[in-house]
Each structure stands twice: as structure tokens, then as C-alpha cells.
Amino acid sequence: MADSVGASLHTRLTRRFDLTTPLALAPMAMGSGGALAAAWAKAGALGLVGGGYGELDWTAREYTLAADALAGDAAATHRLGCGFISWRLEQDASAFDWLLDQPARPAAVMLSFGDPTPWVRRLRDRGIAALCQIQSVAQLQQAVDAGADGIVAQGGEAGGHGARTDGARGTFTLVPELADRLAAVAPETLLLAAGGIADGRGLAAALVLGADGALIGSRAWVTTESLASTGAKAQAVATGGDETARSGIFDILRRKNWPADYGFRAIRNAMHRQWEGREADLRADPEPAIALFEAGVKSADFDRANVTVGEATGLINDVPNSAALVTRMTAEAAALLP
């Protein structure tokens, strides 16, 4: 349940992390860099750096950038965190190891896509909150048993990686079902909604459905501080929600070997359409297509390069700074809630 005071909203999430709004930045790989995470933390939200594939140099640079930007602001510093891909940590945990030893200790670490158990245990030993992202009710018990402080319920509408289309749940039904389950088995565990939330209406809906807050990806990707290119942001603004798709195509083109349970949602451009229904052919002989894709990335040709947004792209009409966006979403939600 949310309590509104002026243009602020207070829930169990805000009280847990001393936030002024029940919003969290999704730790998007190659999108949520230090500047974006710091901007969200300054605006009163939880700012999560995208640790992504766990590259030590990248994570260290961006997390340090955020921590330095927040130096002297104790409240905002305590809203900083990071996110990692669990199956990738099994291959290389050097960035995770580095993060745990930083003087600017993260308030929270989000774990997605794989078994979070060994990483949650290490976070709890350091007094760091663990947020576990799941895509189904069936995954809930593992996260609860691991000791998650919060569950992120990711609907299939979300951009980037999520459950493959044939197994994806919608945010609107997944959140209340998980809220009911948590109330029964782990009532102290926080719940965040993710997927398709881009304005105050979506935030208000998430809270009414039983979430303690919302994790924002695509909408945050299209802000001035995001690491996404100017051209990619413009493409997202110009694209409707019907024009995205989830598949393994861009993972093949980016040489990312993801588990079969997950797919990658982005704008359905010419490159994607060319290979729809032909992923096996693309895997069998990827190099010619990879060359075209990489040339498209280099030249900002978004008929070939990926634009990583979800269905919420149809609700994105501008490229604001993060402070303006957080304030706007919070005020819109507060006006809708009792």
C-alpha cells in the first residue's frame, strides 16, 4: 500500500532504502551506466548500475563514476546499487567480488536469469540487500529459499532479456499472483513490478496490484543520462509498442550465448524480420549477418542495429533528464492513488 505526500509516494520499498519514490532503475547492460544510476539516486529512486555480463573493467568504471558523483550526498549514496546476470557470474564473478569490497557499499544488488543462491548468500553476509528477478510463479520458491530481500516480477512486455515468448507471463497478472504467494510464504519480502511501466499510470497500477514499487527499464533507457546513443533513443521515441519482438536473433548477432529459456526483446527492424523463424539457419552460418549487424551498429543504421526497448516504447514520447522523469512519474501516480 502506498502513502502519498505531495508529489512523493511512500511504500515498504521507500522505507527500506530511504527513497522518496517507489521507483528503481533497471540495471540494463550497456545502458545503465554510472551517470544514469547516480541521476536516479539523486532523484530519490534506487539507482542500479548495469553490471550485466560481469566485465570487471566496465563495472568498476561505471560504479566508481556513480559513487564519485554522489560523494558528499549520504542519502543518495545509500540508494546506489548494481545488477548482474546470475548464469554469467558462474563463469566470471570478478566484478561481483570487486563490488563487495568497495567503500561505497551497494545498498542492493539485483540478480537475474539463473540460480541466485550462492550470490544471495554472499550478499547477506555483507549486509547487502538482494533483489532477485523472476519471470514466473514457479521460480519464486527458489528465490525465497535463497533469502531474497526483494522479488522483481518481470513480465514479458519488458525490453532486453526475459522469458521466451512461449513461456512469458504478462506483468498485469504476474504481479498480483506473486503478491498473494509472498503474503502467504514470505510476507516481509518486497515485490517490484517490471515490464511495460513507463509513466505514472503504470506505477500506480503496479502499486494497486500489490507491488511495493516498479523497476523501470525502457523508459529510463530513453533519458539524457542513458548510455544509449542519441539515434537509438530517437528510434525508440518514433516506434510504437506493436513494433517489438522477443527472439534469440540479436543474441546470435552480438555473439551472446544465452540459455534457451530466455529471449531478447528489441525493436523489430529489417534485420530482425530477415531472420524471424530462421534462427537455426543464422546459428549455422552467422558471420555474414554479424558483419552486416556490426556495420549497422558502427554507422547507427537501426534497420540493422538493435534498439533495446520493450512494449513500453509506445508510451515514450520524449527524452527527458532522469530527475524530470522520476518527478513526473511520481506525481502522476500520486494523483491517481487515494
Protein backbone atom coordinates (compact mmCIF):
# COMPACT_ATOMS: atom_id res chain seq x y z
CA MET A 1 0.00 0.00 0.00
CA ALA A 2 1.30 3.46 -0.89
CA ASP A 3 1.07 6.63 1.16
CA SER A 4 1.23 9.85 -0.86
CA VAL A 5 2.64 13.08 0.48
CA GLY A 6 2.60 15.90 -2.04
CA ALA A 7 4.45 14.63 -5.11
CA SER A 8 6.13 11.81 -3.18
CA LEU A 9 5.00 8.25 -2.61
CA HIS A 10 5.96 6.00 0.26
CA THR A 11 5.83 2.21 0.37
CA ARG A 12 7.79 -0.58 2.05
CA LEU A 13 10.38 -0.14 -0.73
CA THR A 14 10.94 3.54 0.01
CA ARG A 15 11.20 2.89 3.71
CA ARG A 16 13.65 0.03 3.20
CA PHE A 17 16.05 2.10 1.08
CA ASP A 18 15.24 5.65 2.24
CA LEU A 19 13.79 6.61 -1.14
CA THR A 20 11.36 9.41 -1.92
CA THR A 21 9.62 7.43 -4.67
CA PRO A 22 8.93 3.70 -5.17
CA LEU A 23 10.96 3.58 -8.37
CA ALA A 24 14.13 1.66 -9.19
CA LEU A 25 16.35 1.91 -12.25
CA ALA A 26 16.70 -1.38 -14.10
CA PRO A 27 20.39 -2.38 -14.26
CA MET A 28 20.46 -2.52 -18.05
CA ALA A 29 23.70 -3.84 -19.53
CA MET A 30 25.39 -1.11 -21.58
CA GLY A 31 22.53 1.27 -20.75
CA SER A 32 22.53 1.90 -17.00
CA GLY A 33 25.97 3.40 -16.55
CA GLY A 34 27.25 5.42 -13.64
CA ALA A 35 25.75 8.74 -14.75
CA LEU A 36 22.26 7.26 -15.11
CA ALA A 37 22.38 5.36 -11.81
CA ALA A 38 23.64 8.45 -9.97
CA ALA A 39 20.91 10.61 -11.51
CA TRP A 40 18.20 8.21 -10.32
CA ALA A 41 19.69 8.04 -6.84
CA LYS A 42 19.82 11.84 -6.65
CA ALA A 43 16.20 11.97 -7.76
CA GLY A 44 15.16 9.79 -4.81
CA ALA A 45 14.93 6.42 -6.59
CA LEU A 46 17.06 3.28 -6.31
CA GLY A 47 19.84 3.59 -8.90
CA LEU A 48 21.25 0.27 -10.11
CA VAL A 49 24.33 0.21 -12.34
CA GLY A 50 24.10 -2.42 -15.06
CA GLY A 51 26.83 -4.90 -14.18
CA GLY A 52 25.41 -7.06 -16.95
CA TYR A 53 27.86 -9.64 -18.20
CA GLY A 54 30.20 -9.01 -15.30
CA GLU A 55 33.08 -7.37 -17.14
CA LEU A 56 35.28 -6.11 -14.33
CA ASP A 57 36.71 -3.06 -16.11
CA TRP A 58 33.30 -1.80 -17.22
CA THR A 59 31.57 -2.40 -13.90
CA ALA A 60 34.41 -0.85 -11.89
CA ARG A 61 34.50 2.24 -14.11
CA GLU A 62 30.75 2.87 -14.10
CA TYR A 63 30.12 2.08 -10.44
CA THR A 64 33.04 4.30 -9.41
CA LEU A 65 31.69 7.07 -11.63
CA ALA A 66 28.34 6.85 -9.85
CA ALA A 67 29.88 6.72 -6.39
CA ASP A 68 32.08 9.74 -7.15
CA ALA A 69 29.08 11.69 -8.48
CA LEU A 70 27.22 11.01 -5.24
CA ALA A 71 30.13 11.78 -2.90
CA GLY A 72 29.00 14.15 -0.17
CA ASP A 73 25.33 13.18 -0.55
CA ALA A 74 24.90 10.46 2.04
CA ALA A 75 21.22 9.83 1.31
CA ALA A 76 21.77 9.41 -2.42
CA THR A 77 24.87 7.26 -1.90
CA HIS A 78 22.76 4.84 0.11
CA ARG A 79 20.43 4.46 -2.90
CA LEU A 80 23.15 3.14 -5.20
CA GLY A 81 23.40 -0.47 -6.25
CA CYS A 82 24.22 -2.79 -9.12
CA GLY A 83 22.80 -5.72 -11.08
CA PHE A 84 24.27 -8.94 -12.50
CA ILE A 85 23.30 -11.88 -14.70
CA SER A 86 23.42 -14.97 -12.48
CA TRP A 87 24.42 -17.52 -15.12
CA ARG A 88 27.27 -15.25 -16.22
CA LEU A 89 28.55 -14.94 -12.64
CA GLU A 90 29.06 -18.70 -12.67
CA GLN A 91 31.64 -18.11 -15.43
CA ASP A 92 33.26 -14.93 -14.09
CA ALA A 93 32.47 -13.37 -10.72
CA SER A 94 35.36 -10.90 -10.68
CA ALA A 95 33.13 -7.81 -10.95
CA PHE A 96 30.85 -9.14 -8.20
CA ASP A 97 33.88 -9.81 -6.00
CA TRP A 98 35.21 -6.30 -6.67
CA LEU A 99 31.88 -4.67 -5.83
CA LEU A 100 31.61 -6.30 -2.40
CA ASP A 101 34.91 -4.74 -1.34
CA GLN A 102 34.09 -1.15 -2.31
CA PRO A 103 33.94 1.58 0.35
CA ALA A 104 30.74 2.86 -1.32
CA ARG A 105 28.91 -0.33 -0.44
CA PRO A 106 25.88 -1.01 -2.64
CA ALA A 107 22.50 -0.73 -0.98
CA ALA A 108 21.21 -3.56 -3.15
CA VAL A 109 22.34 -5.98 -5.81
CA MET A 110 19.89 -7.40 -8.32
CA LEU A 111 20.36 -10.92 -9.68
CA SER A 112 18.61 -12.13 -12.82
CA PHE A 113 18.45 -15.18 -15.06
CA GLY A 114 19.73 -18.20 -13.19
CA ASP A 115 20.15 -19.62 -9.70
CA PRO A 116 20.75 -16.70 -7.30
CA THR A 117 21.50 -18.85 -4.26
CA PRO A 118 25.30 -18.61 -3.93
CA TRP A 119 25.31 -14.89 -4.67
CA VAL A 120 22.47 -14.06 -2.28
CA ARG A 121 24.32 -15.85 0.49
CA ARG A 122 27.40 -13.69 -0.05
CA LEU A 123 25.33 -10.51 -0.18
CA ARG A 124 23.55 -11.33 3.06
CA ASP A 125 26.89 -12.00 4.73
CA ARG A 126 27.84 -8.39 3.88
CA GLY A 127 24.51 -6.89 4.87
CA ILE A 128 23.61 -6.01 1.27
CA ALA A 129 20.02 -6.42 0.10
CA ALA A 130 19.45 -9.00 -2.63
CA LEU A 131 16.78 -8.40 -5.27
CA CYS A 132 16.00 -11.47 -7.39
CA GLN A 133 14.28 -11.04 -10.73
CA ILE A 134 11.96 -13.84 -11.82
CA GLN A 135 9.58 -14.38 -14.73
CA SER A 136 7.14 -16.93 -13.30
CA VAL A 137 5.49 -18.12 -10.10
CA ALA A 138 7.40 -21.39 -10.44
CA GLN A 139 10.67 -19.51 -9.89
CA LEU A 140 9.51 -17.82 -6.69
CA GLN A 141 10.34 -20.53 -4.16
CA GLN A 142 13.98 -20.76 -5.24
CA ALA A 143 14.41 -17.01 -4.72
CA VAL A 144 12.65 -17.09 -1.35
CA ASP A 145 14.68 -20.10 -0.20
CA ALA A 146 17.86 -18.30 -1.27
CA GLY A 147 16.97 -15.46 1.09
CA ALA A 148 15.95 -12.72 -1.33
CA ASP A 149 15.06 -9.41 0.29
CA GLY A 150 13.00 -8.46 -2.74
CA ILE A 151 11.45 -10.11 -5.78
CA VAL A 152 11.32 -8.37 -9.16
CA ALA A 153 8.38 -9.70 -11.18
CA GLN A 154 9.36 -9.30 -14.83
CA GLY A 155 6.55 -9.50 -17.35
CA GLY A 156 7.05 -10.45 -20.97
CA GLU A 157 6.47 -6.85 -22.06
CA ALA A 158 9.95 -5.91 -20.84
CA GLY A 159 12.72 -4.91 -23.19
CA GLY A 160 16.02 -6.75 -23.33
CA HIS A 161 16.20 -10.23 -21.88
CA GLY A 162 13.22 -12.05 -20.44
CA ALA A 163 11.31 -15.31 -20.71
CA ARG A 164 10.91 -16.66 -24.23
CA THR A 165 7.57 -15.77 -25.81
CA ASP A 166 6.00 -19.22 -25.35
CA GLY A 167 6.54 -19.04 -21.59
CA ALA A 168 6.25 -15.33 -20.84
CA ARG A 169 3.77 -14.01 -18.28
CA GLY A 170 2.24 -10.56 -18.51
CA THR A 171 3.08 -8.05 -15.77
CA PHE A 172 -0.61 -7.37 -15.06
CA THR A 173 -1.29 -10.96 -13.92
CA LEU A 174 2.13 -11.99 -12.66
CA VAL A 175 2.42 -9.21 -10.06
CA PRO A 176 -0.80 -9.87 -8.11
CA GLU A 177 -0.30 -13.63 -8.19
CA LEU A 178 3.20 -13.23 -6.77
CA ALA A 179 1.90 -10.71 -4.23
CA ASP A 180 -0.58 -13.28 -2.98
CA ARG A 181 2.06 -16.02 -2.81
CA LEU A 182 4.52 -13.81 -0.97
CA ALA A 183 1.87 -12.78 1.53
CA ALA A 184 1.48 -16.47 2.35
CA VAL A 185 5.09 -17.68 2.37
CA ALA A 186 7.36 -14.64 2.86
CA PRO A 187 5.35 -11.57 3.85
CA GLU A 188 8.41 -9.45 4.66
CA THR A 189 9.83 -9.85 1.16
CA LEU A 190 9.47 -6.81 -1.09
CA LEU A 191 7.89 -7.05 -4.54
CA LEU A 192 8.73 -4.86 -7.53
CA ALA A 193 6.93 -4.90 -10.87
CA ALA A 194 8.88 -4.76 -14.13
CA GLY A 195 7.84 -4.76 -17.77
CA GLY A 196 5.73 -2.24 -19.64
CA ILE A 197 5.82 0.52 -16.99
CA ALA A 198 6.71 3.91 -18.47
CA ASP A 199 4.56 6.53 -16.76
CA GLY A 200 2.68 7.29 -13.58
CA ARG A 201 -0.30 5.23 -14.66
CA GLY A 202 1.86 2.14 -14.82
CA LEU A 203 3.46 2.88 -11.45
CA ALA A 204 0.06 3.43 -9.83
CA ALA A 205 -1.25 0.21 -11.36
CA ALA A 206 1.74 -1.75 -10.05
CA LEU A 207 1.14 -0.47 -6.53
CA VAL A 208 -2.58 -1.25 -6.67
CA LEU A 209 -1.79 -4.79 -7.88
CA GLY A 210 0.29 -5.38 -4.76
CA ALA A 211 3.82 -4.33 -5.68
CA ASP A 212 5.94 -2.17 -3.39
CA GLY A 213 7.46 -0.37 -6.36
CA ALA A 214 8.42 -0.58 -10.00
CA LEU A 215 11.66 -1.31 -11.84
CA ILE A 216 11.97 0.93 -14.89
CA GLY A 217 13.91 -0.13 -17.96
CA SER A 218 12.86 1.10 -21.42
CA ARG A 219 11.62 4.47 -20.18
CA ALA A 220 14.92 5.08 -18.34
CA TRP A 221 16.88 3.91 -21.41
CA VAL A 222 15.42 6.91 -23.25
CA THR A 223 16.75 9.66 -20.99
CA THR A 224 19.62 12.10 -21.40
CA GLU A 225 21.93 10.24 -18.99
CA SER A 226 21.46 6.80 -20.54
CA LEU A 227 24.41 5.26 -22.41
CA ALA A 228 22.15 4.50 -25.39
CA SER A 229 23.07 6.51 -28.48
CA THR A 230 21.14 9.61 -29.49
CA GLY A 231 19.96 7.87 -32.65
CA ALA A 232 18.75 4.81 -30.77
CA LYS A 233 16.77 6.98 -28.37
CA ALA A 234 15.17 8.82 -31.29
CA GLN A 235 14.23 5.49 -32.86
CA ALA A 236 12.57 4.38 -29.62
CA VAL A 237 10.55 7.60 -29.45
CA ALA A 238 9.37 7.08 -33.03
CA THR A 239 8.37 3.43 -32.54
CA GLY A 240 5.05 2.02 -31.30
CA GLY A 241 4.57 -0.81 -28.86
CA ASP A 242 3.38 -3.20 -31.58
CA GLU A 243 6.80 -2.99 -33.23
CA THR A 244 8.96 -5.00 -30.83
CA ALA A 245 9.69 -8.72 -30.73
CA ARG A 246 11.47 -11.21 -28.50
CA SER A 247 13.78 -13.82 -30.00
CA GLY A 248 17.36 -15.08 -29.97
CA ILE A 249 18.31 -13.20 -33.16
CA PHE A 250 20.17 -10.27 -31.65
CA ASP A 251 21.93 -12.53 -29.16
CA ILE A 252 23.35 -14.51 -32.06
CA LEU A 253 24.35 -11.32 -33.87
CA ARG A 254 26.03 -9.95 -30.71
CA ARG A 255 27.78 -13.29 -30.02
CA LYS A 256 25.95 -13.72 -26.71
CA ASN A 257 25.36 -17.37 -25.84
CA TRP A 258 22.22 -17.14 -23.71
CA PRO A 259 20.36 -20.10 -22.19
CA ALA A 260 17.43 -21.28 -24.30
CA ASP A 261 14.86 -20.22 -21.67
CA TYR A 262 15.45 -16.53 -22.40
CA GLY A 263 14.98 -14.27 -25.38
CA PHE A 264 15.86 -10.67 -26.21
CA ARG A 265 13.15 -8.05 -26.91
CA ALA A 266 14.04 -5.11 -29.14
CA ILE A 267 12.51 -3.13 -31.98
CA ARG A 268 11.52 -5.45 -34.83
CA ASN A 269 13.67 -3.90 -37.54
CA ALA A 270 14.64 -5.13 -41.01
CA MET A 271 17.50 -7.26 -39.67
CA HIS A 272 15.20 -8.98 -37.21
CA ARG A 273 12.47 -9.60 -39.77
CA GLN A 274 15.02 -11.14 -42.15
CA TRP A 275 15.80 -13.92 -39.67
CA GLU A 276 12.44 -14.49 -38.00
CA GLY A 277 11.69 -18.19 -38.00
CA ARG A 278 15.22 -18.93 -39.22
CA GLU A 279 17.32 -18.79 -36.04
CA ALA A 280 18.72 -22.26 -36.74
CA ASP A 281 19.98 -21.07 -40.12
CA LEU A 282 21.50 -17.98 -38.54
CA ARG A 283 23.29 -20.05 -35.89
CA ALA A 284 24.63 -22.39 -38.55
CA ASP A 285 26.29 -19.59 -40.55
CA PRO A 286 26.23 -16.35 -38.54
CA GLU A 287 29.31 -14.49 -39.79
CA PRO A 288 27.85 -12.75 -42.88
CA ALA A 289 24.90 -11.46 -40.85
CA ILE A 290 27.15 -10.49 -37.94
CA ALA A 291 29.27 -8.40 -40.31
CA LEU A 292 26.16 -6.54 -41.52
CA PHE A 293 24.92 -6.10 -37.96
CA GLU A 294 28.24 -4.74 -36.69
CA ALA A 295 28.45 -2.35 -39.64
CA GLY A 296 24.96 -1.16 -38.72
CA VAL A 297 25.99 -0.56 -35.12
CA LYS A 298 29.04 1.40 -36.24
CA SER A 299 27.06 3.57 -38.69
CA ALA A 300 23.97 3.94 -36.43
CA ASP A 301 21.82 2.19 -39.04
CA PHE A 302 18.88 0.99 -36.99
CA ASP A 303 17.49 -1.15 -39.76
CA ARG A 304 20.38 -3.44 -38.79
CA ALA A 305 21.46 -2.42 -35.26
CA ASN A 306 19.31 -3.34 -32.26
CA VAL A 307 17.29 -0.80 -30.29
CA THR A 308 16.73 -2.44 -26.91
CA VAL A 309 13.30 -1.38 -25.71
CA GLY A 310 10.15 -3.27 -24.84
CA GLU A 311 6.46 -2.74 -25.45
CA ALA A 312 6.54 0.43 -23.34
CA THR A 313 8.27 2.16 -26.24
CA GLY A 314 4.80 3.11 -27.46
CA LEU A 315 4.43 5.26 -24.33
CA ILE A 316 7.75 7.07 -24.79
CA ASN A 317 7.41 10.45 -26.47
CA ASP A 318 10.41 12.45 -25.28
CA VAL A 319 13.99 12.25 -23.98
CA PRO A 320 13.90 13.92 -20.54
CA ASN A 321 16.60 14.02 -17.91
CA SER A 322 16.19 11.49 -15.14
CA ALA A 323 15.19 13.97 -12.43
CA ALA A 324 12.34 15.27 -14.58
CA LEU A 325 11.21 11.74 -15.44
CA VAL A 326 11.23 10.47 -11.85
CA THR A 327 9.39 13.57 -10.65
CA ARG A 328 6.80 13.27 -13.42
CA MET A 329 6.10 9.57 -12.90
CA THR A 330 5.83 10.02 -9.15
CA ALA A 331 3.47 12.99 -9.41
CA GLU A 332 1.28 11.24 -11.97
CA ALA A 333 0.99 8.15 -9.78
CA ALA A 334 0.32 10.15 -6.61
CA ALA A 335 -2.51 11.99 -8.36
CA LEU A 336 -4.16 8.68 -9.27
CA LEU A 337 -3.85 6.95 -5.91
CA PRO A 338 -6.13 7.59 -2.92
